[in-house]
Amino acid sequence: MESHRKLLQVVRIALLVSIALYVFIGERIERSTPVAPDRNLYFAITLVAITLVGMTFTVWRVFVLRSEVILADRPEDADTLNRQRFGYIITHALSNAVALFGLVLRLAGFTLSEVAPFYIVGFALILLFGPRRPRIT
């Protein structure tokens, strides 16, 4: 189980670094759009990002928390470990997608202050849903 947790920790760190790279790339790429970006695009992507945040919490509850209950009794159950790993990976991928939307909006011409919430929420979700040892009751 410990190797399982270490693998998830490596994936988590890689995704956190990728968000830092999104910010870096978004600030380095030169934008040559003299026209103001479309506000409807911003609102549409914001709605999708909010939906992804909700999906992240749902995946966390359905896959990770339910698996932790089973793993507390049977820590070496391979199917449950795989289910938990799947839950962590999907949770982190959805969180990373929120930050990626920030990069997309930045490349579309929005300011850093307008897209910063996407980066911050994605980063915070990955930090919040880090792999942890199951609680043994």
N, C-alpha and C. Protein backbone atom coordinates (compact mmCIF):
# COMPACT_ATOMS: atom_id res chain seq x y z
N MET A 1 0.82 -1.19 0.00
CA MET A 1 0.00 0.00 0.00
C MET A 1 0.86 1.26 0.00
N GLU A 2 2.02 1.16 0.62
CA GLU A 2 2.91 2.34 0.69
C GLU A 2 3.44 2.72 -0.69
N SER A 3 3.73 1.73 -1.53
CA SER A 3 4.21 2.04 -2.88
C SER A 3 3.10 2.69 -3.70
N HIS A 4 1.89 2.28 -3.45
CA HIS A 4 0.70 2.87 -4.09
C HIS A 4 0.61 4.36 -3.73
N ARG A 5 0.79 4.68 -2.45
CA ARG A 5 0.73 6.06 -2.00
C ARG A 5 1.87 6.90 -2.56
N LYS A 6 3.06 6.31 -2.65
CA LYS A 6 4.21 7.05 -3.19
C LYS A 6 4.01 7.37 -4.67
N LEU A 7 3.46 6.42 -5.42
CA LEU A 7 3.17 6.68 -6.83
C LEU A 7 2.18 7.83 -6.98
N LEU A 8 1.14 7.82 -6.18
CA LEU A 8 0.16 8.90 -6.24
C LEU A 8 0.77 10.24 -5.83
N GLN A 9 1.70 10.21 -4.91
CA GLN A 9 2.38 11.44 -4.48
C GLN A 9 3.22 12.01 -5.63
N VAL A 10 3.88 11.13 -6.39
CA VAL A 10 4.66 11.58 -7.55
C VAL A 10 3.76 12.22 -8.60
N VAL A 11 2.62 11.58 -8.87
CA VAL A 11 1.66 12.14 -9.83
C VAL A 11 1.16 13.49 -9.34
N ARG A 12 0.88 13.58 -8.07
CA ARG A 12 0.38 14.83 -7.48
C ARG A 12 1.41 15.96 -7.64
N ILE A 13 2.65 15.66 -7.33
CA ILE A 13 3.70 16.68 -7.46
C ILE A 13 3.87 17.10 -8.91
N ALA A 14 3.82 16.14 -9.82
CA ALA A 14 3.94 16.47 -11.25
C ALA A 14 2.81 17.40 -11.70
N LEU A 15 1.61 17.16 -11.22
CA LEU A 15 0.49 18.02 -11.61
C LEU A 15 0.59 19.40 -10.98
N LEU A 16 1.11 19.49 -9.76
CA LEU A 16 1.32 20.80 -9.15
C LEU A 16 2.36 21.60 -9.93
N VAL A 17 3.41 20.92 -10.37
CA VAL A 17 4.44 21.58 -11.18
C VAL A 17 3.85 22.01 -12.52
N SER A 18 2.97 21.19 -13.08
CA SER A 18 2.36 21.56 -14.36
C SER A 18 1.54 22.84 -14.24
N ILE A 19 0.88 23.03 -13.11
CA ILE A 19 0.11 24.27 -12.93
C ILE A 19 1.04 25.47 -12.88
N ALA A 20 2.18 25.32 -12.21
CA ALA A 20 3.17 26.40 -12.20
C ALA A 20 3.65 26.69 -13.63
N LEU A 21 3.80 25.64 -14.42
CA LEU A 21 4.19 25.83 -15.82
C LEU A 21 3.09 26.52 -16.62
N TYR A 22 1.84 26.24 -16.32
CA TYR A 22 0.73 26.93 -17.01
C TYR A 22 0.83 28.44 -16.78
N VAL A 23 1.09 28.81 -15.54
CA VAL A 23 1.22 30.24 -15.23
C VAL A 23 2.41 30.82 -15.98
N PHE A 24 3.53 30.13 -15.96
CA PHE A 24 4.74 30.60 -16.63
C PHE A 24 4.50 30.75 -18.13
N ILE A 25 3.93 29.73 -18.75
CA ILE A 25 3.67 29.77 -20.19
C ILE A 25 2.68 30.87 -20.53
N GLY A 26 1.64 30.99 -19.73
CA GLY A 26 0.64 32.03 -19.98
C GLY A 26 1.20 33.43 -19.93
N GLU A 27 2.22 33.62 -19.10
CA GLU A 27 2.83 34.95 -19.00
C GLU A 27 3.92 35.18 -20.04
N ARG A 28 4.48 34.13 -20.57
CA ARG A 28 5.58 34.26 -21.53
C ARG A 28 5.13 34.37 -22.98
N ILE A 29 4.00 33.77 -23.29
CA ILE A 29 3.54 33.79 -24.68
C ILE A 29 3.02 35.17 -25.02
N GLU A 30 3.49 35.67 -26.15
CA GLU A 30 3.10 37.00 -26.58
C GLU A 30 1.73 36.94 -27.25
N ARG A 31 0.85 37.78 -26.81
CA ARG A 31 -0.49 37.84 -27.38
C ARG A 31 -0.59 39.07 -28.27
N SER A 32 -1.07 38.86 -29.46
CA SER A 32 -1.19 39.97 -30.40
C SER A 32 -2.66 40.18 -30.77
N THR A 33 -3.51 40.19 -29.78
CA THR A 33 -4.94 40.40 -30.03
C THR A 33 -5.33 41.79 -29.56
N PRO A 34 -5.46 42.73 -30.51
CA PRO A 34 -5.85 44.08 -30.12
C PRO A 34 -7.32 44.17 -29.70
N VAL A 35 -8.10 43.15 -30.03
CA VAL A 35 -9.52 43.13 -29.71
C VAL A 35 -9.70 42.54 -28.31
N ALA A 36 -10.64 43.09 -27.56
CA ALA A 36 -10.93 42.57 -26.22
C ALA A 36 -11.48 41.15 -26.33
N PRO A 37 -11.08 40.28 -25.41
CA PRO A 37 -11.58 38.90 -25.47
C PRO A 37 -13.08 38.83 -25.20
N ASP A 38 -13.69 37.78 -25.68
CA ASP A 38 -15.13 37.58 -25.56
C ASP A 38 -15.51 37.20 -24.13
N ARG A 39 -16.32 38.00 -23.48
CA ARG A 39 -16.72 37.75 -22.09
C ARG A 39 -17.58 36.48 -21.98
N ASN A 40 -18.32 36.16 -23.06
CA ASN A 40 -19.13 34.95 -23.02
C ASN A 40 -18.26 33.71 -22.90
N LEU A 41 -17.10 33.73 -23.52
CA LEU A 41 -16.16 32.61 -23.40
C LEU A 41 -15.73 32.46 -21.95
N TYR A 42 -15.45 33.57 -21.31
CA TYR A 42 -15.04 33.54 -19.90
C TYR A 42 -16.13 32.93 -19.02
N PHE A 43 -17.35 33.37 -19.23
CA PHE A 43 -18.45 32.85 -18.40
C PHE A 43 -18.73 31.38 -18.70
N ALA A 44 -18.63 30.98 -19.95
CA ALA A 44 -18.86 29.58 -20.30
C ALA A 44 -17.80 28.68 -19.66
N ILE A 45 -16.55 29.08 -19.76
CA ILE A 45 -15.48 28.28 -19.17
C ILE A 45 -15.56 28.29 -17.65
N THR A 46 -15.98 29.40 -17.08
CA THR A 46 -16.17 29.45 -15.63
C THR A 46 -17.25 28.47 -15.20
N LEU A 47 -18.33 28.39 -15.94
CA LEU A 47 -19.39 27.44 -15.63
C LEU A 47 -18.89 26.00 -15.72
N VAL A 48 -18.12 25.70 -16.74
CA VAL A 48 -17.55 24.35 -16.89
C VAL A 48 -16.59 24.06 -15.73
N ALA A 49 -15.78 25.04 -15.35
CA ALA A 49 -14.83 24.85 -14.25
C ALA A 49 -15.56 24.60 -12.93
N ILE A 50 -16.63 25.31 -12.69
CA ILE A 50 -17.42 25.09 -11.46
C ILE A 50 -18.00 23.68 -11.47
N THR A 51 -18.46 23.24 -12.62
CA THR A 51 -18.97 21.87 -12.75
C THR A 51 -17.87 20.86 -12.45
N LEU A 52 -16.66 21.12 -12.95
CA LEU A 52 -15.54 20.21 -12.68
C LEU A 52 -15.19 20.16 -11.20
N VAL A 53 -15.30 21.27 -10.52
CA VAL A 53 -15.04 21.27 -9.08
C VAL A 53 -16.06 20.38 -8.37
N GLY A 54 -17.32 20.50 -8.76
CA GLY A 54 -18.34 19.63 -8.19
C GLY A 54 -18.09 18.16 -8.50
N MET A 55 -17.67 17.88 -9.72
CA MET A 55 -17.34 16.51 -10.11
C MET A 55 -16.15 15.99 -9.31
N THR A 56 -15.20 16.85 -9.02
CA THR A 56 -14.03 16.46 -8.24
C THR A 56 -14.45 15.96 -6.86
N PHE A 57 -15.30 16.72 -6.21
CA PHE A 57 -15.77 16.31 -4.89
C PHE A 57 -16.58 15.01 -4.96
N THR A 58 -17.36 14.85 -6.02
CA THR A 58 -18.16 13.63 -6.18
C THR A 58 -17.27 12.41 -6.39
N VAL A 59 -16.29 12.52 -7.27
CA VAL A 59 -15.36 11.42 -7.53
C VAL A 59 -14.61 11.07 -6.25
N TRP A 60 -14.21 12.08 -5.51
CA TRP A 60 -13.49 11.86 -4.25
C TRP A 60 -14.34 11.04 -3.29
N ARG A 61 -15.60 11.42 -3.15
CA ARG A 61 -16.48 10.70 -2.22
C ARG A 61 -16.77 9.28 -2.69
N VAL A 62 -17.05 9.13 -3.98
CA VAL A 62 -17.47 7.83 -4.51
C VAL A 62 -16.31 6.84 -4.56
N PHE A 63 -15.15 7.28 -5.00
CA PHE A 63 -14.05 6.34 -5.20
C PHE A 63 -13.08 6.29 -4.02
N VAL A 64 -12.64 7.44 -3.56
CA VAL A 64 -11.58 7.46 -2.55
C VAL A 64 -12.13 7.18 -1.15
N LEU A 65 -13.13 7.91 -0.72
CA LEU A 65 -13.63 7.73 0.64
C LEU A 65 -14.24 6.35 0.86
N ARG A 66 -14.98 5.86 -0.12
CA ARG A 66 -15.55 4.51 0.03
C ARG A 66 -14.46 3.45 0.06
N SER A 67 -13.41 3.66 -0.71
CA SER A 67 -12.30 2.71 -0.70
C SER A 67 -11.58 2.73 0.64
N GLU A 68 -11.44 3.90 1.24
CA GLU A 68 -10.75 4.00 2.52
C GLU A 68 -11.47 3.20 3.61
N VAL A 69 -12.79 3.18 3.55
CA VAL A 69 -13.56 2.41 4.54
C VAL A 69 -13.23 0.93 4.41
N ILE A 70 -13.18 0.43 3.19
CA ILE A 70 -12.86 -0.99 2.96
C ILE A 70 -11.42 -1.28 3.31
N LEU A 71 -10.51 -0.38 2.94
CA LEU A 71 -9.09 -0.60 3.20
C LEU A 71 -8.75 -0.56 4.69
N ALA A 72 -9.59 0.07 5.49
CA ALA A 72 -9.35 0.08 6.93
C ALA A 72 -9.45 -1.34 7.49
N ASP A 73 -10.33 -2.15 6.90
CA ASP A 73 -10.49 -3.54 7.34
C ASP A 73 -9.58 -4.50 6.58
N ARG A 74 -9.42 -4.26 5.28
CA ARG A 74 -8.62 -5.14 4.43
C ARG A 74 -7.59 -4.31 3.65
N PRO A 75 -6.47 -3.97 4.27
CA PRO A 75 -5.51 -3.06 3.64
C PRO A 75 -4.82 -3.59 2.39
N GLU A 76 -4.88 -4.86 2.14
CA GLU A 76 -4.20 -5.42 0.96
C GLU A 76 -5.17 -5.84 -0.14
N ASP A 77 -6.40 -5.38 -0.10
CA ASP A 77 -7.39 -5.71 -1.12
C ASP A 77 -7.02 -5.01 -2.43
N ALA A 78 -6.58 -5.77 -3.42
CA ALA A 78 -6.05 -5.21 -4.67
C ALA A 78 -7.11 -4.44 -5.45
N ASP A 79 -8.32 -4.96 -5.52
CA ASP A 79 -9.38 -4.27 -6.26
C ASP A 79 -9.71 -2.92 -5.64
N THR A 80 -9.75 -2.89 -4.32
CA THR A 80 -10.06 -1.64 -3.64
C THR A 80 -8.91 -0.65 -3.77
N LEU A 81 -7.69 -1.14 -3.73
CA LEU A 81 -6.53 -0.25 -3.94
C LEU A 81 -6.57 0.36 -5.34
N ASN A 82 -6.91 -0.45 -6.33
CA ASN A 82 -7.02 0.06 -7.71
C ASN A 82 -8.14 1.08 -7.83
N ARG A 83 -9.25 0.82 -7.17
CA ARG A 83 -10.37 1.76 -7.19
C ARG A 83 -9.96 3.09 -6.53
N GLN A 84 -9.25 3.00 -5.43
CA GLN A 84 -8.79 4.21 -4.76
C GLN A 84 -7.79 4.97 -5.63
N ARG A 85 -6.86 4.25 -6.25
CA ARG A 85 -5.88 4.91 -7.13
C ARG A 85 -6.59 5.60 -8.29
N PHE A 86 -7.56 4.91 -8.89
CA PHE A 86 -8.36 5.51 -9.96
C PHE A 86 -9.03 6.79 -9.47
N GLY A 87 -9.61 6.76 -8.28
CA GLY A 87 -10.26 7.94 -7.73
C GLY A 87 -9.31 9.10 -7.54
N TYR A 88 -8.12 8.81 -7.02
CA TYR A 88 -7.13 9.87 -6.85
C TYR A 88 -6.70 10.46 -8.20
N ILE A 89 -6.44 9.61 -9.16
CA ILE A 89 -5.97 10.10 -10.46
C ILE A 89 -7.04 10.94 -11.15
N ILE A 90 -8.28 10.49 -11.12
CA ILE A 90 -9.36 11.27 -11.73
C ILE A 90 -9.57 12.58 -10.97
N THR A 91 -9.51 12.53 -9.66
CA THR A 91 -9.65 13.74 -8.85
C THR A 91 -8.57 14.76 -9.21
N HIS A 92 -7.34 14.29 -9.31
CA HIS A 92 -6.24 15.20 -9.64
C HIS A 92 -6.35 15.69 -11.08
N ALA A 93 -6.78 14.84 -11.99
CA ALA A 93 -6.93 15.26 -13.39
C ALA A 93 -8.01 16.33 -13.53
N LEU A 94 -9.13 16.16 -12.84
CA LEU A 94 -10.18 17.17 -12.90
C LEU A 94 -9.70 18.49 -12.29
N SER A 95 -8.96 18.41 -11.21
CA SER A 95 -8.42 19.62 -10.57
C SER A 95 -7.44 20.32 -11.50
N ASN A 96 -6.61 19.54 -12.18
CA ASN A 96 -5.65 20.10 -13.11
C ASN A 96 -6.36 20.74 -14.31
N ALA A 97 -7.48 20.16 -14.71
CA ALA A 97 -8.23 20.72 -15.84
C ALA A 97 -8.75 22.12 -15.52
N VAL A 98 -9.12 22.35 -14.27
CA VAL A 98 -9.57 23.69 -13.87
C VAL A 98 -8.44 24.70 -14.10
N ALA A 99 -7.23 24.33 -13.69
CA ALA A 99 -6.09 25.23 -13.90
C ALA A 99 -5.78 25.38 -15.38
N LEU A 100 -5.94 24.32 -16.14
CA LEU A 100 -5.70 24.39 -17.58
C LEU A 100 -6.66 25.35 -18.26
N PHE A 101 -7.89 25.42 -17.76
CA PHE A 101 -8.83 26.41 -18.29
C PHE A 101 -8.31 27.83 -18.07
N GLY A 102 -7.61 28.04 -16.97
CA GLY A 102 -6.99 29.35 -16.75
C GLY A 102 -5.99 29.68 -17.83
N LEU A 103 -5.18 28.69 -18.20
CA LEU A 103 -4.20 28.92 -19.28
C LEU A 103 -4.92 29.21 -20.60
N VAL A 104 -5.97 28.47 -20.89
CA VAL A 104 -6.72 28.69 -22.13
C VAL A 104 -7.27 30.12 -22.18
N LEU A 105 -7.83 30.56 -21.07
CA LEU A 105 -8.36 31.92 -21.02
C LEU A 105 -7.25 32.96 -21.13
N ARG A 106 -6.12 32.68 -20.51
CA ARG A 106 -4.99 33.62 -20.59
C ARG A 106 -4.53 33.75 -22.04
N LEU A 107 -4.46 32.63 -22.75
CA LEU A 107 -4.04 32.66 -24.15
C LEU A 107 -5.10 33.32 -25.03
N ALA A 108 -6.35 33.33 -24.57
CA ALA A 108 -7.43 33.99 -25.30
C ALA A 108 -7.41 35.51 -25.10
N GLY A 109 -6.55 35.98 -24.20
CA GLY A 109 -6.39 37.42 -24.03
C GLY A 109 -6.87 37.99 -22.72
N PHE A 110 -7.30 37.16 -21.80
CA PHE A 110 -7.73 37.66 -20.50
C PHE A 110 -6.52 37.96 -19.63
N THR A 111 -6.70 38.84 -18.66
CA THR A 111 -5.58 39.25 -17.81
C THR A 111 -5.27 38.18 -16.77
N LEU A 112 -4.09 38.29 -16.19
CA LEU A 112 -3.68 37.35 -15.15
C LEU A 112 -4.64 37.41 -13.97
N SER A 113 -5.09 38.59 -13.59
CA SER A 113 -6.00 38.70 -12.46
C SER A 113 -7.35 38.04 -12.75
N GLU A 114 -7.74 37.97 -14.00
CA GLU A 114 -9.00 37.31 -14.35
C GLU A 114 -8.87 35.78 -14.35
N VAL A 115 -7.69 35.27 -14.66
CA VAL A 115 -7.52 33.82 -14.74
C VAL A 115 -6.88 33.22 -13.49
N ALA A 116 -6.35 34.05 -12.62
CA ALA A 116 -5.69 33.56 -11.41
C ALA A 116 -6.60 32.65 -10.57
N PRO A 117 -7.90 32.92 -10.44
CA PRO A 117 -8.74 32.00 -9.66
C PRO A 117 -8.73 30.57 -10.20
N PHE A 118 -8.62 30.40 -11.51
CA PHE A 118 -8.56 29.06 -12.08
C PHE A 118 -7.29 28.34 -11.64
N TYR A 119 -6.16 29.05 -11.71
CA TYR A 119 -4.90 28.47 -11.27
C TYR A 119 -4.95 28.12 -9.78
N ILE A 120 -5.44 29.04 -9.00
CA ILE A 120 -5.46 28.87 -7.54
C ILE A 120 -6.38 27.73 -7.13
N VAL A 121 -7.57 27.66 -7.72
CA VAL A 121 -8.51 26.60 -7.36
C VAL A 121 -7.96 25.24 -7.77
N GLY A 122 -7.39 25.14 -8.96
CA GLY A 122 -6.81 23.87 -9.39
C GLY A 122 -5.69 23.42 -8.47
N PHE A 123 -4.81 24.34 -8.12
CA PHE A 123 -3.70 24.05 -7.23
C PHE A 123 -4.20 23.64 -5.84
N ALA A 124 -5.16 24.39 -5.32
CA ALA A 124 -5.69 24.11 -3.98
C ALA A 124 -6.40 22.75 -3.93
N LEU A 125 -7.13 22.41 -4.98
CA LEU A 125 -7.80 21.11 -4.99
C LEU A 125 -6.81 19.96 -4.97
N ILE A 126 -5.74 20.09 -5.73
CA ILE A 126 -4.73 19.03 -5.73
C ILE A 126 -4.08 18.92 -4.36
N LEU A 127 -3.83 20.06 -3.72
CA LEU A 127 -3.27 20.02 -2.36
C LEU A 127 -4.27 19.40 -1.38
N LEU A 128 -5.52 19.76 -1.52
CA LEU A 128 -6.56 19.28 -0.60
C LEU A 128 -6.75 17.77 -0.71
N PHE A 129 -6.73 17.24 -1.92
CA PHE A 129 -7.02 15.83 -2.13
C PHE A 129 -5.76 14.99 -2.31
N GLY A 130 -4.78 15.24 -1.48
CA GLY A 130 -3.55 14.48 -1.55
C GLY A 130 -3.73 13.08 -0.99
N PRO A 131 -2.93 12.13 -1.47
CA PRO A 131 -3.05 10.76 -0.95
C PRO A 131 -2.68 10.70 0.53
N ARG A 132 -3.44 9.91 1.24
CA ARG A 132 -3.20 9.79 2.67
C ARG A 132 -3.31 8.32 3.08
N ARG A 133 -2.76 8.03 4.21
CA ARG A 133 -2.85 6.66 4.74
C ARG A 133 -4.26 6.42 5.26
N PRO A 134 -4.80 5.23 5.01
CA PRO A 134 -6.15 4.97 5.52
C PRO A 134 -6.16 4.92 7.04
N ARG A 135 -7.26 5.38 7.58
CA ARG A 135 -7.43 5.37 9.04
C ARG A 135 -7.84 3.97 9.47
N ILE A 136 -7.09 3.41 10.37
CA ILE A 136 -7.41 2.10 10.87
C ILE A 136 -8.24 2.25 12.13
N THR A 137 -9.44 1.68 12.11
CA THR A 137 -10.33 1.83 13.26
C THR A 137 -10.37 0.57 14.09
